[in-house]
Amino acid sequence: MATEIIGDGQSPNKWFVTQSAWIKYYPTYGVLDSKLIPGWSEKDTHTEVFDSYEEACEAYDDVVLDISFGLGSVMIEDREIGVVKERWLTEKLVVEYYEDEHDDSYFYEK
């Protein structure tokens, strides 16, 4: 809905708070891309319309991002400029090192 009226030159301005299952990830070094949380779809996107920026900010601040609930991002858009602010979960791969050992020394004990 927001994308349909952004920049249409109409008044009054409206603010849209959109919650979705989209998260960010790095497919290659330095490139940030988006993808849906596995098990969730584009249909899980929810948008609320507000008459004031303050009301939109309250709704935005109340959103707790959590992949188990399909909340990967939240944004505020307005009718005049589009995205005002946005926050999202970023999928990051972490390399961890563990010490392992293979020991066949028992072959040498008599």
PDB file of N, CA and C in Angstrom:
ATOM      1  N   MET A   1       0.819  -1.191   0.000  1.00  0.00           N
ATOM      2  CA  MET A   1       0.000   0.000   0.000  1.00  0.00           C
ATOM      3  C   MET A   1       0.865   1.258   0.000  1.00  0.00           C
ATOM      4  N   ALA A   2       1.880   1.265   0.852  1.00  0.00           N
ATOM      5  CA  ALA A   2       2.746   2.440   0.947  1.00  0.00           C
ATOM      6  C   ALA A   2       3.425   2.718  -0.391  1.00  0.00           C
ATOM      7  N   THR A   3       3.897   1.667  -1.054  1.00  0.00           N
ATOM      8  CA  THR A   3       4.605   1.869  -2.307  1.00  0.00           C
ATOM      9  C   THR A   3       3.709   2.444  -3.397  1.00  0.00           C
ATOM     10  N   GLU A   4       2.410   2.247  -3.276  1.00  0.00           N
ATOM     11  CA  GLU A   4       1.469   2.764  -4.273  1.00  0.00           C
ATOM     12  C   GLU A   4       1.266   4.274  -4.183  1.00  0.00           C
ATOM     13  N   ILE A   5       1.444   4.857  -2.978  1.00  0.00           N
ATOM     14  CA  ILE A   5       1.163   6.289  -2.842  1.00  0.00           C
ATOM     15  C   ILE A   5       2.388   7.143  -2.547  1.00  0.00           C
ATOM     16  N   ILE A   6       3.558   6.526  -2.336  1.00  0.00           N
ATOM     17  CA  ILE A   6       4.758   7.321  -2.062  1.00  0.00           C
ATOM     18  C   ILE A   6       5.072   8.193  -3.268  1.00  0.00           C
ATOM     19  N   GLY A   7       5.248   9.460  -2.995  1.00  0.00           N
ATOM     20  CA  GLY A   7       5.573  10.417  -4.047  1.00  0.00           C
ATOM     21  C   GLY A   7       4.401  10.824  -4.910  1.00  0.00           C
ATOM     22  N   ASP A   8       3.170  10.566  -4.476  1.00  0.00           N
ATOM     23  CA  ASP A   8       2.016  10.913  -5.305  1.00  0.00           C
ATOM     24  C   ASP A   8       1.620  12.386  -5.194  1.00  0.00           C
ATOM     25  N   GLY A   9       2.287  13.133  -4.287  1.00  0.00           N
ATOM     26  CA  GLY A   9       2.012  14.563  -4.171  1.00  0.00           C
ATOM     27  C   GLY A   9       0.724  14.909  -3.452  1.00  0.00           C
ATOM     28  N   GLN A  10       0.063  13.925  -2.906  1.00  0.00           N
ATOM     29  CA  GLN A  10      -1.208  14.150  -2.216  1.00  0.00           C
ATOM     30  C   GLN A  10      -0.974  14.527  -0.759  1.00  0.00           C
ATOM     31  N   SER A  11      -1.992  15.105  -0.143  1.00  0.00           N
ATOM     32  CA  SER A  11      -1.971  15.417   1.286  1.00  0.00           C
ATOM     33  C   SER A  11      -3.181  14.741   1.912  1.00  0.00           C
ATOM     34  N   PRO A  12      -3.173  14.479   3.171  1.00  0.00           N
ATOM     35  CA  PRO A  12      -2.101  14.695   4.141  1.00  0.00           C
ATOM     36  C   PRO A  12      -1.064  13.578   4.067  1.00  0.00           C
ATOM     37  N   ASN A  13       0.081  13.839   4.684  1.00  0.00           N
ATOM     38  CA  ASN A  13       1.116  12.809   4.742  1.00  0.00           C
ATOM     39  C   ASN A  13       0.644  11.684   5.657  1.00  0.00           C
ATOM     40  N   LYS A  14       1.013  10.479   5.356  1.00  0.00           N
ATOM     41  CA  LYS A  14       0.704   9.295   6.165  1.00  0.00           C
ATOM     42  C   LYS A  14       2.010   8.569   6.432  1.00  0.00           C
ATOM     43  N   TRP A  15       2.050   7.853   7.546  1.00  0.00           N
ATOM     44  CA  TRP A  15       3.219   7.062   7.895  1.00  0.00           C
ATOM     45  C   TRP A  15       2.817   5.603   7.970  1.00  0.00           C
ATOM     46  N   PHE A  16       3.646   4.730   7.414  1.00  0.00           N
ATOM     47  CA  PHE A  16       3.361   3.305   7.320  1.00  0.00           C
ATOM     48  C   PHE A  16       4.439   2.543   8.087  1.00  0.00           C
ATOM     49  N   VAL A  17       4.016   1.703   9.009  1.00  0.00           N
ATOM     50  CA  VAL A  17       4.951   0.842   9.732  1.00  0.00           C
ATOM     51  C   VAL A  17       4.725  -0.571   9.210  1.00  0.00           C
ATOM     52  N   THR A  18       5.757  -1.107   8.590  1.00  0.00           N
ATOM     53  CA  THR A  18       5.664  -2.421   7.961  1.00  0.00           C
ATOM     54  C   THR A  18       6.573  -3.412   8.675  1.00  0.00           C
ATOM     55  N   GLN A  19       5.991  -4.521   9.082  1.00  0.00           N
ATOM     56  CA  GLN A  19       6.733  -5.620   9.689  1.00  0.00           C
ATOM     57  C   GLN A  19       6.755  -6.762   8.683  1.00  0.00           C
ATOM     58  N   SER A  20       7.913  -7.382   8.517  1.00  0.00           N
ATOM     59  CA  SER A  20       7.985  -8.470   7.543  1.00  0.00           C
ATOM     60  C   SER A  20       8.966  -9.552   7.975  1.00  0.00           C
ATOM     61  N   ALA A  21       8.962 -10.633   7.219  1.00  0.00           N
ATOM     62  CA  ALA A  21       9.836 -11.773   7.484  1.00  0.00           C
ATOM     63  C   ALA A  21      11.138 -11.686   6.701  1.00  0.00           C
ATOM     64  N   TRP A  22      11.454 -10.522   6.159  1.00  0.00           N
ATOM     65  CA  TRP A  22      12.697 -10.339   5.404  1.00  0.00           C
ATOM     66  C   TRP A  22      13.861 -10.064   6.344  1.00  0.00           C
ATOM     67  N   ILE A  23      14.969 -10.754   6.124  1.00  0.00           N
ATOM     68  CA  ILE A  23      16.202 -10.518   6.861  1.00  0.00           C
ATOM     69  C   ILE A  23      17.295 -10.154   5.861  1.00  0.00           C
ATOM     70  N   LYS A  24      18.413  -9.662   6.353  1.00  0.00           N
ATOM     71  CA  LYS A  24      19.555  -9.331   5.497  1.00  0.00           C
ATOM     72  C   LYS A  24      20.635 -10.386   5.695  1.00  0.00           C
ATOM     73  N   TYR A  25      21.443 -10.575   4.681  1.00  0.00           N
ATOM     74  CA  TYR A  25      22.579 -11.491   4.765  1.00  0.00           C
ATOM     75  C   TYR A  25      23.637 -11.053   3.757  1.00  0.00           C
ATOM     76  N   TYR A  26      24.824 -11.593   3.910  1.00  0.00           N
ATOM     77  CA  TYR A  26      25.936 -11.274   3.022  1.00  0.00           C
ATOM     78  C   TYR A  26      26.249 -12.484   2.141  1.00  0.00           C
ATOM     79  N   PRO A  27      25.736 -12.517   0.897  1.00  0.00           N
ATOM     80  CA  PRO A  27      26.033 -13.655   0.023  1.00  0.00           C
ATOM     81  C   PRO A  27      27.501 -13.681  -0.398  1.00  0.00           C
ATOM     82  N   THR A  28      28.107 -12.524  -0.533  1.00  0.00           N
ATOM     83  CA  THR A  28      29.533 -12.400  -0.800  1.00  0.00           C
ATOM     84  C   THR A  28      30.045 -11.221   0.005  1.00  0.00           C
ATOM     85  N   TYR A  29      31.343 -11.170   0.179  1.00  0.00           N
ATOM     86  CA  TYR A  29      31.945 -10.119   0.996  1.00  0.00           C
ATOM     87  C   TYR A  29      31.543  -8.729   0.511  1.00  0.00           C
ATOM     88  N   GLY A  30      31.026  -7.921   1.419  1.00  0.00           N
ATOM     89  CA  GLY A  30      30.691  -6.539   1.113  1.00  0.00           C
ATOM     90  C   GLY A  30      29.358  -6.322   0.421  1.00  0.00           C
ATOM     91  N   VAL A  31      28.621  -7.393   0.130  1.00  0.00           N
ATOM     92  CA  VAL A  31      27.333  -7.270  -0.549  1.00  0.00           C
ATOM     93  C   VAL A  31      26.232  -7.657   0.432  1.00  0.00           C
ATOM     94  N   LEU A  32      25.304  -6.740   0.688  1.00  0.00           N
ATOM     95  CA  LEU A  32      24.185  -7.005   1.588  1.00  0.00           C
ATOM     96  C   LEU A  32      22.946  -7.273   0.747  1.00  0.00           C
ATOM     97  N   ASP A  33      22.292  -8.399   0.990  1.00  0.00           N
ATOM     98  CA  ASP A  33      21.109  -8.779   0.230  1.00  0.00           C
ATOM     99  C   ASP A  33      20.002  -9.172   1.205  1.00  0.00           C
ATOM    100  N   SER A  34      18.810  -9.408   0.696  1.00  0.00           N
ATOM    101  CA  SER A  34      17.660  -9.769   1.526  1.00  0.00           C
ATOM    102  C   SER A  34      17.124 -11.128   1.141  1.00  0.00           C
ATOM    103  N   LYS A  35      16.555 -11.813   2.133  1.00  0.00           N
ATOM    104  CA  LYS A  35      15.868 -13.075   1.885  1.00  0.00           C
ATOM    105  C   LYS A  35      14.835 -13.283   2.979  1.00  0.00           C
ATOM    106  N   LEU A  36      13.860 -14.130   2.695  1.00  0.00           N
ATOM    107  CA  LEU A  36      12.817 -14.447   3.667  1.00  0.00           C
ATOM    108  C   LEU A  36      13.345 -15.440   4.703  1.00  0.00           C
ATOM    109  N   ILE A  37      12.850 -15.310   5.919  1.00  0.00           N
ATOM    110  CA  ILE A  37      13.158 -16.283   6.955  1.00  0.00           C
ATOM    111  C   ILE A  37      12.586 -17.626   6.499  1.00  0.00           C
ATOM    112  N   PRO A  38      13.368 -18.706   6.541  1.00  0.00           N
ATOM    113  CA  PRO A  38      12.850 -20.008   6.117  1.00  0.00           C
ATOM    114  C   PRO A  38      11.551 -20.352   6.849  1.00  0.00           C
ATOM    115  N   GLY A  39      10.561 -20.796   6.086  1.00  0.00           N
ATOM    116  CA  GLY A  39       9.270 -21.171   6.642  1.00  0.00           C
ATOM    117  C   GLY A  39       8.251 -20.045   6.656  1.00  0.00           C
ATOM    118  N   TRP A  40       8.648 -18.836   6.265  1.00  0.00           N
ATOM    119  CA  TRP A  40       7.755 -17.684   6.236  1.00  0.00           C
ATOM    120  C   TRP A  40       7.631 -17.201   4.801  1.00  0.00           C
ATOM    121  N   SER A  41       6.613 -16.408   4.511  1.00  0.00           N
ATOM    122  CA  SER A  41       6.410 -15.953   3.139  1.00  0.00           C
ATOM    123  C   SER A  41       6.157 -14.449   3.096  1.00  0.00           C
ATOM    124  N   GLU A  42       6.098 -13.933   1.897  1.00  0.00           N
ATOM    125  CA  GLU A  42       5.804 -12.520   1.671  1.00  0.00           C
ATOM    126  C   GLU A  42       4.423 -12.163   2.219  1.00  0.00           C
ATOM    127  N   LYS A  43       3.536 -13.130   2.278  1.00  0.00           N
ATOM    128  CA  LYS A  43       2.175 -12.894   2.794  1.00  0.00           C
ATOM    129  C   LYS A  43       2.166 -12.569   4.287  1.00  0.00           C
ATOM    130  N   ASP A  44       3.262 -12.839   4.968  1.00  0.00           N
ATOM    131  CA  ASP A  44       3.356 -12.571   6.399  1.00  0.00           C
ATOM    132  C   ASP A  44       3.714 -11.114   6.698  1.00  0.00           C
ATOM    133  N   THR A  45       3.770 -10.283   5.677  1.00  0.00           N
ATOM    134  CA  THR A  45       4.045  -8.858   5.846  1.00  0.00           C
ATOM    135  C   THR A  45       2.796  -8.151   6.357  1.00  0.00           C
ATOM    136  N   HIS A  46       2.997  -7.256   7.325  1.00  0.00           N
ATOM    137  CA  HIS A  46       1.875  -6.538   7.942  1.00  0.00           C
ATOM    138  C   HIS A  46       2.203  -5.044   7.976  1.00  0.00           C
ATOM    139  N   THR A  47       1.284  -4.203   7.499  1.00  0.00           N
ATOM    140  CA  THR A  47       1.476  -2.754   7.479  1.00  0.00           C
ATOM    141  C   THR A  47       0.346  -2.056   8.222  1.00  0.00           C
ATOM    142  N   GLU A  48       0.728  -1.105   9.082  1.00  0.00           N
ATOM    143  CA  GLU A  48      -0.244  -0.254   9.766  1.00  0.00           C
ATOM    144  C   GLU A  48      -0.044   1.182   9.295  1.00  0.00           C
ATOM    145  N   VAL A  49      -1.123   1.937   9.201  1.00  0.00           N
ATOM    146  CA  VAL A  49      -1.087   3.323   8.740  1.00  0.00           C
ATOM    147  C   VAL A  49      -1.325   4.251   9.930  1.00  0.00           C
ATOM    148  N   PHE A  50      -0.520   5.320  10.010  1.00  0.00           N
ATOM    149  CA  PHE A  50      -0.638   6.287  11.099  1.00  0.00           C
ATOM    150  C   PHE A  50      -0.739   7.695  10.538  1.00  0.00           C
ATOM    151  N   ASP A  51      -1.406   8.559  11.295  1.00  0.00           N
ATOM    152  CA  ASP A  51      -1.573   9.953  10.890  1.00  0.00           C
ATOM    153  C   ASP A  51      -0.423  10.839  11.337  1.00  0.00           C
ATOM    154  N   SER A  52       0.377  10.372  12.319  1.00  0.00           N
ATOM    155  CA  SER A  52       1.501  11.194  12.786  1.00  0.00           C
ATOM    156  C   SER A  52       2.771  10.359  12.870  1.00  0.00           C
ATOM    157  N   TYR A  53       3.879  11.037  12.722  1.00  0.00           N
ATOM    158  CA  TYR A  53       5.193  10.395  12.823  1.00  0.00           C
ATOM    159  C   TYR A  53       5.412   9.839  14.229  1.00  0.00           C
ATOM    160  N   GLU A  54       4.946  10.543  15.242  1.00  0.00           N
ATOM    161  CA  GLU A  54       5.118  10.113  16.627  1.00  0.00           C
ATOM    162  C   GLU A  54       4.415   8.774  16.876  1.00  0.00           C
ATOM    163  N   GLU A  55       3.191   8.631  16.359  1.00  0.00           N
ATOM    164  CA  GLU A  55       2.464   7.371  16.509  1.00  0.00           C
ATOM    165  C   GLU A  55       3.192   6.236  15.785  1.00  0.00           C
ATOM    166  N   ALA A  56       3.703   6.533  14.603  1.00  0.00           N
ATOM    167  CA  ALA A  56       4.433   5.523  13.833  1.00  0.00           C
ATOM    168  C   ALA A  56       5.700   5.098  14.578  1.00  0.00           C
ATOM    169  N   CYS A  57       6.390   6.052  15.196  1.00  0.00           N
ATOM    170  CA  CYS A  57       7.605   5.732  15.949  1.00  0.00           C
ATOM    171  C   CYS A  57       7.300   4.851  17.154  1.00  0.00           C
ATOM    172  N   GLU A  58       6.186   5.108  17.818  1.00  0.00           N
ATOM    173  CA  GLU A  58       5.793   4.264  18.952  1.00  0.00           C
ATOM    174  C   GLU A  58       5.565   2.825  18.498  1.00  0.00           C
ATOM    175  N   ALA A  59       4.854   2.652  17.394  1.00  0.00           N
ATOM    176  CA  ALA A  59       4.594   1.310  16.871  1.00  0.00           C
ATOM    177  C   ALA A  59       5.895   0.642  16.431  1.00  0.00           C
ATOM    178  N   TYR A  60       6.769   1.386  15.784  1.00  0.00           N
ATOM    179  CA  TYR A  60       8.077   0.900  15.323  1.00  0.00           C
ATOM    180  C   TYR A  60       8.911   0.426  16.515  1.00  0.00           C
ATOM    181  N   ASP A  61       8.963   1.240  17.562  1.00  0.00           N
ATOM    182  CA  ASP A  61       9.761   0.909  18.742  1.00  0.00           C
ATOM    183  C   ASP A  61       9.215  -0.300  19.495  1.00  0.00           C
ATOM    184  N   ASP A  62       7.930  -0.587  19.369  1.00  0.00           N
ATOM    185  CA  ASP A  62       7.315  -1.721  20.054  1.00  0.00           C
ATOM    186  C   ASP A  62       7.599  -3.066  19.382  1.00  0.00           C
ATOM    187  N   VAL A  63       8.086  -3.045  18.157  1.00  0.00           N
ATOM    188  CA  VAL A  63       8.327  -4.293  17.430  1.00  0.00           C
ATOM    189  C   VAL A  63       9.625  -4.932  17.914  1.00  0.00           C
ATOM    190  N   VAL A  64       9.518  -6.195  18.328  1.00  0.00           N
ATOM    191  CA  VAL A  64      10.687  -6.978  18.732  1.00  0.00           C
ATOM    192  C   VAL A  64      10.990  -7.958  17.602  1.00  0.00           C
ATOM    193  N   LEU A  65      12.127  -7.789  16.963  1.00  0.00           N
ATOM    194  CA  LEU A  65      12.500  -8.668  15.851  1.00  0.00           C
ATOM    195  C   LEU A  65      12.908 -10.029  16.396  1.00  0.00           C
ATOM    196  N   ASP A  66      12.340 -11.082  15.818  1.00  0.00           N
ATOM    197  CA  ASP A  66      12.579 -12.440  16.286  1.00  0.00           C
ATOM    198  C   ASP A  66      12.217 -13.400  15.160  1.00  0.00           C
ATOM    199  N   ILE A  67      13.183 -14.177  14.701  1.00  0.00           N
ATOM    200  CA  ILE A  67      12.914 -15.070  13.563  1.00  0.00           C
ATOM    201  C   ILE A  67      11.868 -16.124  13.888  1.00  0.00           C
ATOM    202  N   SER A  68      11.758 -16.541  15.143  1.00  0.00           N
ATOM    203  CA  SER A  68      10.776 -17.575  15.479  1.00  0.00           C
ATOM    204  C   SER A  68       9.339 -17.074  15.317  1.00  0.00           C
ATOM    205  N   PHE A  69       9.142 -15.751  15.336  1.00  0.00           N
ATOM    206  CA  PHE A  69       7.825 -15.173  15.106  1.00  0.00           C
ATOM    207  C   PHE A  69       7.692 -14.586  13.706  1.00  0.00           C
ATOM    208  N   GLY A  70       8.676 -14.807  12.849  1.00  0.00           N
ATOM    209  CA  GLY A  70       8.627 -14.305  11.481  1.00  0.00           C
ATOM    210  C   GLY A  70       8.829 -12.812  11.367  1.00  0.00           C
ATOM    211  N   LEU A  71       9.468 -12.208  12.363  1.00  0.00           N
ATOM    212  CA  LEU A  71       9.729 -10.768  12.326  1.00  0.00           C
ATOM    213  C   LEU A  71      11.210 -10.528  12.076  1.00  0.00           C
ATOM    214  N   GLY A  72      11.541 -10.285  10.818  1.00  0.00           N
ATOM    215  CA  GLY A  72      12.931 -10.070  10.439  1.00  0.00           C
ATOM    216  C   GLY A  72      13.270  -8.618  10.213  1.00  0.00           C
ATOM    217  N   SER A  73      12.256  -7.783   9.963  1.00  0.00           N
ATOM    218  CA  SER A  73      12.519  -6.364   9.740  1.00  0.00           C
ATOM    219  C   SER A  73      11.272  -5.534  10.020  1.00  0.00           C
ATOM    220  N   VAL A  74      11.528  -4.261  10.287  1.00  0.00           N
ATOM    221  CA  VAL A  74      10.455  -3.293  10.485  1.00  0.00           C
ATOM    222  C   VAL A  74      10.930  -1.973   9.890  1.00  0.00           C
ATOM    223  N   MET A  75      10.019  -1.239   9.265  1.00  0.00           N
ATOM    224  CA  MET A  75      10.388   0.047   8.683  1.00  0.00           C
ATOM    225  C   MET A  75       9.253   1.041   8.800  1.00  0.00           C
ATOM    226  N   ILE A  76       9.645   2.310   8.800  1.00  0.00           N
ATOM    227  CA  ILE A  76       8.668   3.396   8.706  1.00  0.00           C
ATOM    228  C   ILE A  76       8.869   4.030   7.345  1.00  0.00           C
ATOM    229  N   GLU A  77       7.775   4.141   6.595  1.00  0.00           N
ATOM    230  CA  GLU A  77       7.775   4.855   5.321  1.00  0.00           C
ATOM    231  C   GLU A  77       6.750   5.973   5.434  1.00  0.00           C
ATOM    232  N   ASP A  78       6.969   7.052   4.697  1.00  0.00           N
ATOM    233  CA  ASP A  78       5.938   8.080   4.649  1.00  0.00           C
ATOM    234  C   ASP A  78       5.582   8.364   3.204  1.00  0.00           C
ATOM    235  N   ARG A  79       4.524   9.109   3.037  1.00  0.00           N
ATOM    236  CA  ARG A  79       3.963   9.373   1.716  1.00  0.00           C
ATOM    237  C   ARG A  79       4.873  10.257   0.864  1.00  0.00           C
ATOM    238  N   GLU A  80       5.688  11.095   1.523  1.00  0.00           N
ATOM    239  CA  GLU A  80       6.498  12.060   0.786  1.00  0.00           C
ATOM    240  C   GLU A  80       7.824  11.506   0.280  1.00  0.00           C
ATOM    241  N   ILE A  81       8.570  10.778   1.140  1.00  0.00           N
ATOM    242  CA  ILE A  81       9.926  10.383   0.740  1.00  0.00           C
ATOM    243  C   ILE A  81      10.171   8.883   0.704  1.00  0.00           C
ATOM    244  N   GLY A  82       9.273   8.092   1.262  1.00  0.00           N
ATOM    245  CA  GLY A  82       9.500   6.647   1.286  1.00  0.00           C
ATOM    246  C   GLY A  82      10.059   6.211   2.630  1.00  0.00           C
ATOM    247  N   VAL A  83      11.120   5.406   2.617  1.00  0.00           N
ATOM    248  CA  VAL A  83      11.673   4.847   3.852  1.00  0.00           C
ATOM    249  C   VAL A  83      12.288   5.946   4.704  1.00  0.00           C
ATOM    250  N   VAL A  84      11.779   6.065   5.936  1.00  0.00           N
ATOM    251  CA  VAL A  84      12.295   7.043   6.889  1.00  0.00           C
ATOM    252  C   VAL A  84      13.325   6.383   7.792  1.00  0.00           C
ATOM    253  N   LYS A  85      12.986   5.217   8.330  1.00  0.00           N
ATOM    254  CA  LYS A  85      13.958   4.443   9.088  1.00  0.00           C
ATOM    255  C   LYS A  85      13.567   2.981   9.055  1.00  0.00           C
ATOM    256  N   GLU A  86      14.583   2.141   9.298  1.00  0.00           N
ATOM    257  CA  GLU A  86      14.386   0.705   9.157  1.00  0.00           C
ATOM    258  C   GLU A  86      15.391  -0.017  10.044  1.00  0.00           C
ATOM    259  N   ARG A  87      14.968  -1.141  10.590  1.00  0.00           N
ATOM    260  CA  ARG A  87      15.911  -2.021  11.281  1.00  0.00           C
ATOM    261  C   ARG A  87      15.589  -3.456  10.904  1.00  0.00           C
ATOM    262  N   TRP A  88      16.595  -4.315  10.973  1.00  0.00           N
ATOM    263  CA  TRP A  88      16.438  -5.681  10.505  1.00  0.00           C
ATOM    264  C   TRP A  88      17.404  -6.603  11.221  1.00  0.00           C
ATOM    265  N   LEU A  89      17.130  -7.889  11.119  1.00  0.00           N
ATOM    266  CA  LEU A  89      18.049  -8.915  11.589  1.00  0.00           C
ATOM    267  C   LEU A  89      19.000  -9.241  10.447  1.00  0.00           C
ATOM    268  N   THR A  90      20.259  -9.448  10.781  1.00  0.00           N
ATOM    269  CA  THR A  90      21.256  -9.822   9.785  1.00  0.00           C
ATOM    270  C   THR A  90      21.755 -11.223  10.109  1.00  0.00           C
ATOM    271  N   GLU A  91      21.696 -12.090   9.119  1.00  0.00           N
ATOM    272  CA  GLU A  91      22.215 -13.451   9.265  1.00  0.00           C
ATOM    273  C   GLU A  91      23.721 -13.396   9.056  1.00  0.00           C
ATOM    274  N   LYS A  92      24.451 -13.839  10.064  1.00  0.00           N
ATOM    275  CA  LYS A  92      25.910 -13.849   9.962  1.00  0.00           C
ATOM    276  C   LYS A  92      26.412 -15.252  10.278  1.00  0.00           C
ATOM    277  N   LEU A  93      27.348 -15.707   9.479  1.00  0.00           N
ATOM    278  CA  LEU A  93      27.972 -16.994   9.737  1.00  0.00           C
ATOM    279  C   LEU A  93      29.176 -16.752  10.623  1.00  0.00           C
ATOM    280  N   VAL A  94      29.273 -17.531  11.666  1.00  0.00           N
ATOM    281  CA  VAL A  94      30.378 -17.396  12.602  1.00  0.00           C
ATOM    282  C   VAL A  94      31.210 -18.667  12.522  1.00  0.00           C
ATOM    283  N   VAL A  95      32.501 -18.500  12.311  1.00  0.00           N
ATOM    284  CA  VAL A  95      33.405 -19.639  12.266  1.00  0.00           C
ATOM    285  C   VAL A  95      33.941 -19.849  13.678  1.00  0.00           C
ATOM    286  N   GLU A  96      33.760 -21.048  14.180  1.00  0.00           N
ATOM    287  CA  GLU A  96      34.274 -21.398  15.495  1.00  0.00           C
ATOM    288  C   GLU A  96      35.250 -22.545  15.333  1.00  0.00           C
ATOM    289  N   TYR A  97      36.292 -22.542  16.148  1.00  0.00           N
ATOM    290  CA  TYR A  97      37.304 -23.581  16.099  1.00  0.00           C
ATOM    291  C   TYR A  97      37.273 -24.376  17.391  1.00  0.00           C
ATOM    292  N   TYR A  98      37.249 -25.686  17.245  1.00  0.00           N
ATOM    293  CA  TYR A  98      37.263 -26.588  18.377  1.00  0.00           C
ATOM    294  C   TYR A  98      38.483 -27.488  18.265  1.00  0.00           C
ATOM    295  N   GLU A  99      39.032 -27.832  19.404  1.00  0.00           N
ATOM    296  CA  GLU A  99      40.177 -28.734  19.403  1.00  0.00           C
ATOM    297  C   GLU A  99      39.671 -30.172  19.387  1.00  0.00           C
ATOM    298  N   ASP A 100      40.148 -30.944  18.426  1.00  0.00           N
ATOM    299  CA  ASP A 100      39.842 -32.366  18.331  1.00  0.00           C
ATOM    300  C   ASP A 100      41.153 -33.129  18.310  1.00  0.00           C
ATOM    301  N   GLU A 101      41.035 -34.422  18.458  1.00  0.00           N
ATOM    302  CA  GLU A 101      42.252 -35.230  18.446  1.00  0.00           C
ATOM    303  C   GLU A 101      41.921 -36.616  17.938  1.00  0.00           C
ATOM    304  N   HIS A 102      42.851 -37.149  17.221  1.00  0.00           N
ATOM    305  CA  HIS A 102      42.784 -38.550  16.799  1.00  0.00           C
ATOM    306  C   HIS A 102      43.999 -39.217  17.422  1.00  0.00           C
ATOM    307  N   ASP A 103      43.799 -40.281  18.154  1.00  0.00           N
ATOM    308  CA  ASP A 103      44.912 -40.901  18.878  1.00  0.00           C
ATOM    309  C   ASP A 103      44.911 -42.416  18.657  1.00  0.00           C
ATOM    310  N   ASP A 104      45.883 -42.881  17.892  1.00  0.00           N
ATOM    311  CA  ASP A 104      46.067 -44.317  17.676  1.00  0.00           C
ATOM    312  C   ASP A 104      47.295 -44.826  18.433  1.00  0.00           C
ATOM    313  N   SER A 105      47.697 -44.100  19.427  1.00  0.00           N
ATOM    314  CA  SER A 105      48.926 -44.483  20.149  1.00  0.00           C
ATOM    315  C   SER A 105      48.781 -45.808  20.902  1.00  0.00           C
ATOM    316  N   TYR A 106      47.557 -46.238  21.111  1.00  0.00           N
ATOM    317  CA  TYR A 106      47.357 -47.501  21.821  1.00  0.00           C
ATOM    318  C   TYR A 106      47.937 -48.678  21.037  1.00  0.00           C
ATOM    319  N   PHE A 107      48.170 -48.501  19.723  1.00  0.00           N
ATOM    320  CA  PHE A 107      48.804 -49.556  18.924  1.00  0.00           C
ATOM    321  C   PHE A 107      50.251 -49.784  19.362  1.00  0.00           C
ATOM    322  N   TYR A 108      50.874 -48.773  19.946  1.00  0.00           N
ATOM    323  CA  TYR A 108      52.281 -48.851  20.293  1.00  0.00           C
ATOM    324  C   TYR A 108      52.485 -49.267  21.744  1.00  0.00           C
ATOM    325  N   GLU A 109      51.451 -49.354  22.503  1.00  0.00           N
ATOM    326  CA  GLU A 109      51.586 -49.764  23.894  1.00  0.00           C
ATOM    327  C   GLU A 109      51.451 -51.278  23.959  1.00  0.00           C
ATOM    328  N   LYS A 110      52.389 -51.900  24.665  1.00  0.00           N
ATOM    329  CA  LYS A 110      52.378 -53.377  24.751  1.00  0.00           C
ATOM    330  C   LYS A 110      52.218 -53.837  26.144  1.00  0.00           C
TER     331      LYS A 110
END
